[in-house]
Amino acid sequence: MKIRFGLDTFGDMNVDDQGRPQSAGQVIRDIVEQAVYAEQVGLDAFTVGEHHRDDFAVSAPDTILAGIATRTSRITLGTGVTVLSSEDPIRVYQRFATIDALSNGRAEITAGRGSFTESFPLFGYALSDYAQLFEEKLELLMELLKEKPVTWSGSIRPPLTNQEVYPKTEGGSIGIRVGVGGSPESVMRAARLGIPLALAIIGGDPARFAPFSKLYRMSLAEQGKPELPVSIHSPGHIAETDEQAIEEMWPCYLESFGRIGRERGWGETSKDHFVSEVRYGSMYVGSPETVAAKITHAVTSVGASRFDLKYANGTMPHSKLMNTIRLYAEEVAPRVRAAVEKESAA
């Protein structure tokens, strides 16, 4: 099984090497440079998340991807995720068809519900409609991606009758995945609609997600659909040694996840908890050898063919993010590929 390696960023507001806060504009410009570098060192995909908060610089990932498209030639460019519940599926299609044109067919949508809710009041949606909005908008988006006249009706907008939507792509399709946090209903929906599965695994042993990938594949088979790829998204940071990676990551984790925890009533986090998650869970923090071993365990446990490392977490400076990208591409990816090939041949 060939493993593809991607990177994911939410554009966390960060600091420079002297600890001075960076502007949102600088963070966005740095993301473009990180994506260009990711292609130069041989990685397969680069995804940008969507948030509407002051701790993230990216609220319009599509625009950033369009900029990256003009600076790259090979790497897949996508979202991680497009918060579809508060989006207009027609505009999502149109923006990604445009990115597809700029990138010569490298655009990819990852549709998801998102882990934050700020977009709902911002764009005038009710949280009580959370599930229905996503369900209907995903179905509409899948019809739009066929690039044929669309006839569709639902409760979230007026119906469409034999409606053409432009521009059409040169290749006739745009890549799509659906982001899933671990509910059987979401997995079954992805199988029913025939969408590749992207598992967001941000805590605990990734092997606990194996039943979800098994359910997904069984559902596809029962419906007579071809086998589709499963990918994993998880956070991490790579440095030359385990100790260095932990010490670089911990203050960023404390600030970022500490704030989220306080907002959600989780209580204060601790370094012991962080280190425990690094050692036994789904935080891919350490030396290239350590991170490669953890990724190998994750992809083989779940049967995934792609791993996206969320390499930007909190206030980590651009220089350290670039070093993580280098180590991930040049040292981690080859180790994982070799280990997976060895295991497959055994």
Protein backbone atom coordinates (compact mmCIF):
# COMPACT_ATOMS: atom_id res chain seq x y z
CA MET A 1 0.00 0.00 0.00
CA LYS A 2 1.44 3.36 -1.04
CA ILE A 3 1.14 6.05 1.64
CA ARG A 4 0.65 9.69 0.68
CA PHE A 5 1.83 12.42 3.03
CA GLY A 6 0.09 15.74 3.51
CA LEU A 7 0.30 18.79 5.74
CA ASP A 8 -2.53 20.67 7.39
CA THR A 9 -2.61 24.15 8.94
CA PHE A 10 -5.30 26.33 10.45
CA GLY A 11 -3.02 29.36 10.23
CA ASP A 12 -2.55 29.72 13.98
CA MET A 13 -1.54 33.23 15.02
CA ASN A 14 2.10 32.88 16.00
CA VAL A 15 5.31 34.70 16.96
CA ASP A 16 8.64 35.28 15.25
CA ASP A 17 11.97 33.86 16.44
CA GLN A 18 12.27 36.70 18.98
CA GLY A 19 8.82 35.97 20.44
CA ARG A 20 7.12 38.98 18.87
CA PRO A 21 3.49 38.43 17.76
CA GLN A 22 2.99 38.20 14.01
CA SER A 23 0.19 39.87 12.07
CA ALA A 24 -2.49 37.80 10.36
CA GLY A 25 -1.09 39.03 7.05
CA GLN A 26 2.37 37.69 7.85
CA VAL A 27 0.95 34.34 8.98
CA ILE A 28 -0.93 34.05 5.68
CA ARG A 29 2.16 34.92 3.63
CA ASP A 30 4.15 32.36 5.61
CA ILE A 31 1.52 29.68 4.86
CA VAL A 32 2.12 30.23 1.14
CA GLU A 33 5.87 29.81 1.65
CA GLN A 34 5.29 26.67 3.73
CA ALA A 35 3.17 25.17 0.95
CA VAL A 36 5.77 26.00 -1.70
CA TYR A 37 8.45 24.38 0.46
CA ALA A 38 6.24 21.33 1.06
CA GLU A 39 6.14 20.75 -2.68
CA GLN A 40 9.88 21.31 -3.04
CA VAL A 41 10.67 18.60 -0.47
CA GLY A 42 8.32 16.12 -2.12
CA LEU A 43 5.15 16.03 -0.03
CA ASP A 44 1.86 15.05 -1.67
CA ALA A 45 -0.81 17.39 -0.30
CA PHE A 46 -1.30 20.68 1.52
CA THR A 47 -4.58 21.60 3.23
CA VAL A 48 -5.71 24.81 4.91
CA GLY A 49 -8.45 25.00 7.53
CA GLU A 50 -11.24 27.54 8.03
CA HIS A 51 -11.89 29.39 11.29
CA HIS A 52 -13.48 32.68 12.31
CA ARG A 53 -11.60 33.46 15.54
CA ASP A 54 -8.80 35.77 16.62
CA ASP A 55 -6.38 32.89 17.29
CA PHE A 56 -6.37 31.81 13.63
CA ALA A 57 -5.45 33.91 10.59
CA VAL A 58 -7.38 31.90 8.00
CA SER A 59 -11.08 32.52 7.42
CA ALA A 60 -10.93 32.13 3.61
CA PRO A 61 -8.75 29.11 2.83
CA ASP A 62 -9.91 29.03 -0.79
CA THR A 63 -8.25 32.38 -1.45
CA ILE A 64 -4.95 31.22 0.06
CA LEU A 65 -5.10 28.00 -1.98
CA ALA A 66 -5.57 30.06 -5.13
CA GLY A 67 -2.41 31.95 -4.28
CA ILE A 68 -0.52 28.73 -3.59
CA ALA A 69 -1.76 27.29 -6.89
CA THR A 70 0.13 29.98 -8.80
CA ARG A 71 3.39 29.14 -6.98
CA THR A 72 3.28 25.34 -7.25
CA SER A 73 2.88 22.72 -9.97
CA ARG A 74 2.39 19.28 -8.42
CA ILE A 75 1.09 19.20 -4.85
CA THR A 76 -2.62 18.59 -4.13
CA LEU A 77 -4.27 21.69 -2.63
CA GLY A 78 -7.32 21.42 -0.38
CA THR A 79 -9.19 22.53 2.68
CA GLY A 80 -9.08 20.98 6.08
CA VAL A 81 -12.01 21.58 6.37
CA THR A 82 -14.54 23.64 4.43
CA VAL A 83 -17.23 24.25 7.09
CA LEU A 84 -20.03 23.27 4.75
CA SER A 85 -22.90 23.80 7.21
CA SER A 86 -22.40 27.57 7.04
CA GLU A 87 -21.33 27.73 3.38
CA ASP A 88 -23.18 28.02 0.08
CA PRO A 89 -22.46 24.78 -1.82
CA ILE A 90 -22.78 26.54 -5.17
CA ARG A 91 -20.10 29.06 -4.22
CA VAL A 92 -17.94 26.26 -2.82
CA TYR A 93 -18.13 24.50 -6.16
CA GLN A 94 -17.39 27.69 -8.09
CA ARG A 95 -14.41 28.67 -5.95
CA PHE A 96 -12.90 25.22 -6.17
CA ALA A 97 -13.49 24.99 -9.90
CA THR A 98 -11.49 28.22 -10.09
CA ILE A 99 -8.70 26.81 -7.92
CA ASP A 100 -8.79 23.71 -10.10
CA ALA A 101 -8.17 25.91 -13.16
CA LEU A 102 -5.33 27.84 -11.50
CA SER A 103 -3.68 24.60 -10.32
CA ASN A 104 -4.25 22.50 -13.45
CA GLY A 105 -6.50 19.99 -11.69
CA ARG A 106 -5.01 19.84 -8.16
CA ALA A 107 -7.95 21.16 -6.12
CA GLU A 108 -9.53 19.10 -3.34
CA ILE A 109 -12.43 19.87 -1.01
CA THR A 110 -12.60 18.37 2.46
CA ALA A 111 -16.14 19.00 3.62
CA GLY A 112 -16.79 18.94 7.34
CA ARG A 113 -18.85 20.30 10.18
CA GLY A 114 -15.88 22.02 11.81
CA SER A 115 -14.88 21.89 15.47
CA PHE A 116 -15.92 25.49 16.25
CA THR A 117 -19.30 27.18 15.92
CA GLU A 118 -18.41 30.86 15.30
CA SER A 119 -19.40 30.66 11.64
CA PHE A 120 -23.05 29.97 12.48
CA PRO A 121 -24.00 33.32 14.06
CA LEU A 122 -21.53 35.12 11.75
CA PHE A 123 -23.37 33.96 8.63
CA GLY A 124 -26.85 33.91 10.13
CA TYR A 125 -27.40 30.20 10.75
CA ALA A 126 -29.00 28.59 13.79
CA LEU A 127 -26.99 26.00 15.68
CA SER A 128 -30.19 24.03 16.14
CA ASP A 129 -30.06 23.33 12.37
CA TYR A 130 -26.47 22.03 12.61
CA ALA A 131 -27.10 18.46 11.42
CA GLN A 132 -29.72 19.23 8.78
CA LEU A 133 -27.61 21.98 7.19
CA PHE A 134 -24.64 19.69 6.76
CA GLU A 135 -26.65 16.74 5.48
CA GLU A 136 -28.51 18.70 2.80
CA LYS A 137 -25.59 20.86 1.74
CA LEU A 138 -23.32 17.85 1.34
CA GLU A 139 -25.91 16.14 -0.86
CA LEU A 140 -26.26 19.29 -2.97
CA LEU A 141 -22.49 19.67 -3.29
CA MET A 142 -22.18 16.09 -4.51
CA GLU A 143 -24.75 16.85 -7.22
CA LEU A 144 -22.85 19.99 -8.23
CA LEU A 145 -19.59 18.04 -8.48
CA LYS A 146 -21.10 15.90 -11.24
CA GLU A 147 -20.86 19.08 -13.38
CA LYS A 148 -24.19 18.40 -15.05
CA PRO A 149 -27.51 20.28 -14.86
CA VAL A 150 -28.68 20.08 -11.23
CA THR A 151 -32.22 19.38 -10.13
CA TRP A 152 -32.41 19.41 -6.33
CA SER A 153 -34.80 20.32 -3.56
CA GLY A 154 -34.52 20.50 0.20
CA SER A 155 -35.44 22.61 3.21
CA ILE A 156 -32.39 24.88 3.35
CA ARG A 157 -32.83 26.88 0.13
CA PRO A 158 -35.15 27.24 -2.88
CA PRO A 159 -35.05 24.28 -5.28
CA LEU A 160 -32.86 24.07 -8.37
CA THR A 161 -34.34 22.86 -11.65
CA ASN A 162 -32.02 21.76 -14.44
CA GLN A 163 -29.59 24.41 -13.25
CA GLU A 164 -26.16 24.75 -14.87
CA VAL A 165 -23.35 26.01 -12.65
CA TYR A 166 -20.11 27.44 -14.01
CA PRO A 167 -17.17 27.21 -14.56
CA LYS A 168 -16.82 23.59 -15.53
CA THR A 169 -13.46 21.99 -14.82
CA GLU A 170 -11.18 20.81 -17.60
CA GLY A 171 -10.89 17.34 -16.07
CA GLY A 172 -14.60 16.98 -15.33
CA SER A 173 -14.27 16.56 -11.57
CA ILE A 174 -12.95 18.04 -8.33
CA GLY A 175 -11.50 15.84 -5.60
CA ILE A 176 -13.50 15.64 -2.37
CA ARG A 177 -13.19 14.03 1.05
CA VAL A 178 -15.50 14.24 4.04
CA GLY A 179 -13.98 14.98 7.44
CA VAL A 180 -15.25 12.71 10.21
CA GLY A 181 -14.57 12.99 13.93
CA GLY A 182 -15.67 9.49 14.81
CA SER A 183 -19.44 8.98 14.65
CA PRO A 184 -20.87 5.88 12.91
CA GLU A 185 -23.57 8.05 11.30
CA SER A 186 -20.95 10.24 9.61
CA VAL A 187 -19.08 7.19 8.38
CA MET A 188 -22.26 5.66 6.95
CA ARG A 189 -23.15 8.94 5.22
CA ALA A 190 -19.73 9.08 3.55
CA ALA A 191 -20.19 5.53 2.30
CA ARG A 192 -23.74 6.21 1.08
CA LEU A 193 -22.58 9.23 -0.92
CA GLY A 194 -19.40 7.53 -2.12
CA ILE A 195 -16.97 10.07 -0.64
CA PRO A 196 -13.42 9.27 0.54
CA LEU A 197 -13.10 9.38 4.32
CA ALA A 198 -10.78 11.71 6.29
CA LEU A 199 -10.61 10.73 9.96
CA ALA A 200 -9.71 13.53 12.38
CA ILE A 201 -7.88 11.70 15.17
CA ILE A 202 -6.75 14.19 17.80
CA GLY A 203 -6.59 12.04 20.94
CA GLY A 204 -6.10 8.48 22.13
CA ASP A 205 -4.69 5.47 20.34
CA PRO A 206 -5.49 5.76 16.62
CA ALA A 207 -6.25 2.03 16.57
CA ARG A 208 -9.57 2.83 18.26
CA PHE A 209 -10.67 4.27 14.90
CA ALA A 210 -10.15 0.96 13.11
CA PRO A 211 -13.83 -0.03 13.58
CA PHE A 212 -14.87 3.14 11.74
CA SER A 213 -12.73 2.39 8.70
CA LYS A 214 -13.99 -1.21 8.78
CA LEU A 215 -17.61 0.01 8.93
CA TYR A 216 -16.92 2.37 6.04
CA ARG A 217 -15.46 -0.34 3.82
CA MET A 218 -18.24 -2.80 4.68
CA SER A 219 -20.87 -0.17 3.86
CA LEU A 220 -19.24 0.59 0.51
CA ALA A 221 -19.13 -3.11 -0.36
CA GLU A 222 -22.75 -3.69 0.66
CA GLN A 223 -23.83 -0.86 -1.63
CA GLY A 224 -21.77 -2.17 -4.54
CA LYS A 225 -19.46 0.85 -4.49
CA PRO A 226 -15.72 0.60 -5.22
CA GLU A 227 -13.23 0.79 -2.34
CA LEU A 228 -12.32 4.39 -1.56
CA PRO A 229 -9.30 5.80 0.30
CA VAL A 230 -9.20 6.55 4.02
CA SER A 231 -6.91 9.25 5.39
CA ILE A 232 -5.90 10.44 8.86
CA HIS A 233 -5.48 14.00 10.17
CA SER A 234 -3.58 14.44 13.45
CA PRO A 235 -1.49 17.16 15.15
CA GLY A 236 2.24 17.03 15.75
CA HIS A 237 5.66 18.65 15.76
CA ILE A 238 9.01 17.21 14.71
CA ALA A 239 12.49 18.19 15.90
CA GLU A 240 15.89 16.52 16.00
CA THR A 241 15.19 14.77 19.34
CA ASP A 242 12.13 13.77 21.33
CA GLU A 243 13.08 16.11 24.16
CA GLN A 244 13.52 19.10 21.85
CA ALA A 245 10.19 18.47 20.12
CA ILE A 246 8.32 18.20 23.43
CA GLU A 247 9.91 21.34 24.87
CA GLU A 248 9.19 23.33 21.70
CA MET A 249 5.62 22.12 21.44
CA TRP A 250 4.50 22.24 25.08
CA PRO A 251 4.19 26.05 25.56
CA CYS A 252 2.34 26.34 22.23
CA TYR A 253 0.02 23.51 23.22
CA LEU A 254 -0.57 25.04 26.66
CA GLU A 255 -1.58 28.39 25.18
CA SER A 256 -3.71 27.09 22.29
CA PHE A 257 -5.39 24.03 23.77
CA GLY A 258 -5.52 25.68 27.19
CA ARG A 259 -7.66 28.47 25.77
CA ILE A 260 -9.95 26.04 23.95
CA GLY A 261 -10.25 23.94 27.09
CA ARG A 262 -11.26 26.95 29.18
CA GLU A 263 -13.86 27.96 26.59
CA ARG A 264 -15.35 24.47 26.63
CA GLY A 265 -15.11 23.85 30.35
CA TRP A 266 -12.47 21.14 30.16
CA GLY A 267 -10.35 22.59 32.93
CA GLU A 268 -6.63 23.31 32.86
CA THR A 269 -4.31 21.02 30.96
CA SER A 270 -0.98 19.84 32.38
CA LYS A 271 2.39 18.94 30.96
CA ASP A 272 1.97 15.39 32.28
CA HIS A 273 -1.24 15.03 30.28
CA PHE A 274 0.47 16.47 27.20
CA VAL A 275 3.46 14.12 27.49
CA SER A 276 1.13 11.15 28.03
CA GLU A 277 -0.75 11.99 24.83
CA VAL A 278 2.57 12.39 22.99
CA ARG A 279 3.75 8.96 24.15
CA TYR A 280 0.55 6.96 23.92
CA GLY A 281 -2.00 8.93 21.92
CA SER A 282 -2.42 10.86 18.70
CA MET A 283 0.05 13.70 19.21
CA TYR A 284 2.88 13.09 16.73
CA VAL A 285 5.58 14.96 18.62
CA GLY A 286 9.19 13.80 18.64
CA SER A 287 12.22 12.91 16.59
CA PRO A 288 11.79 11.62 13.04
CA GLU A 289 12.27 8.05 14.28
CA THR A 290 9.59 8.42 16.97
CA VAL A 291 7.07 10.17 14.72
CA ALA A 292 7.61 7.68 11.89
CA ALA A 293 6.93 4.76 14.23
CA LYS A 294 3.72 6.40 15.47
CA ILE A 295 2.48 7.19 11.96
CA THR A 296 3.23 3.63 10.84
CA HIS A 297 1.13 2.33 13.73
CA ALA A 298 -1.70 4.73 12.83
CA VAL A 299 -1.93 4.02 9.11
CA THR A 300 -1.59 0.26 9.49
CA SER A 301 -4.13 0.12 12.34
CA VAL A 302 -6.74 2.07 10.40
CA GLY A 303 -5.82 0.93 6.90
CA ALA A 304 -5.21 4.51 5.79
CA SER A 305 -3.42 5.42 2.58
CA ARG A 306 -2.76 9.06 3.50
CA PHE A 307 -1.57 10.85 6.61
CA ASP A 308 -1.98 14.62 7.02
CA LEU A 309 0.14 16.13 9.80
CA LYS A 310 -1.34 19.24 11.39
CA TYR A 311 2.07 20.78 11.72
CA ALA A 312 1.01 24.25 12.94
CA ASN A 313 -0.26 24.23 16.51
CA GLY A 314 -0.35 27.44 18.53
CA THR A 315 2.31 30.14 18.44
CA MET A 316 5.14 28.09 16.89
CA PRO A 317 7.45 30.37 14.82
CA HIS A 318 7.64 30.02 11.04
CA SER A 319 11.26 28.79 11.20
CA LYS A 320 10.32 25.83 13.39
CA LEU A 321 7.34 25.02 11.18
CA MET A 322 9.65 24.92 8.17
CA ASN A 323 11.99 22.57 10.05
CA THR A 324 9.08 20.25 10.86
CA ILE A 325 8.13 20.22 7.17
CA ARG A 326 11.70 19.33 6.20
CA LEU A 327 12.02 16.50 8.72
CA TYR A 328 8.56 15.16 7.89
CA ALA A 329 9.35 14.95 4.17
CA GLU A 330 13.00 13.94 4.23
CA GLU A 331 13.15 11.63 7.26
CA VAL A 332 9.68 10.62 8.46
CA ALA A 333 7.97 9.82 5.16
CA PRO A 334 10.73 7.48 3.86
CA ARG A 335 10.78 5.59 7.17
CA VAL A 336 7.00 5.10 7.14
CA ARG A 337 6.95 3.98 3.51
CA ALA A 338 9.70 1.44 4.17
CA ALA A 339 8.00 0.12 7.31
CA VAL A 340 4.61 -0.22 5.61
CA GLU A 341 6.16 -1.99 2.60
CA LYS A 342 7.97 -4.37 4.94
CA GLU A 343 4.81 -5.12 6.89
CA SER A 344 2.81 -5.65 3.67
CA ALA A 345 5.39 -8.08 2.37
CA ALA A 346 5.51 -10.09 5.60
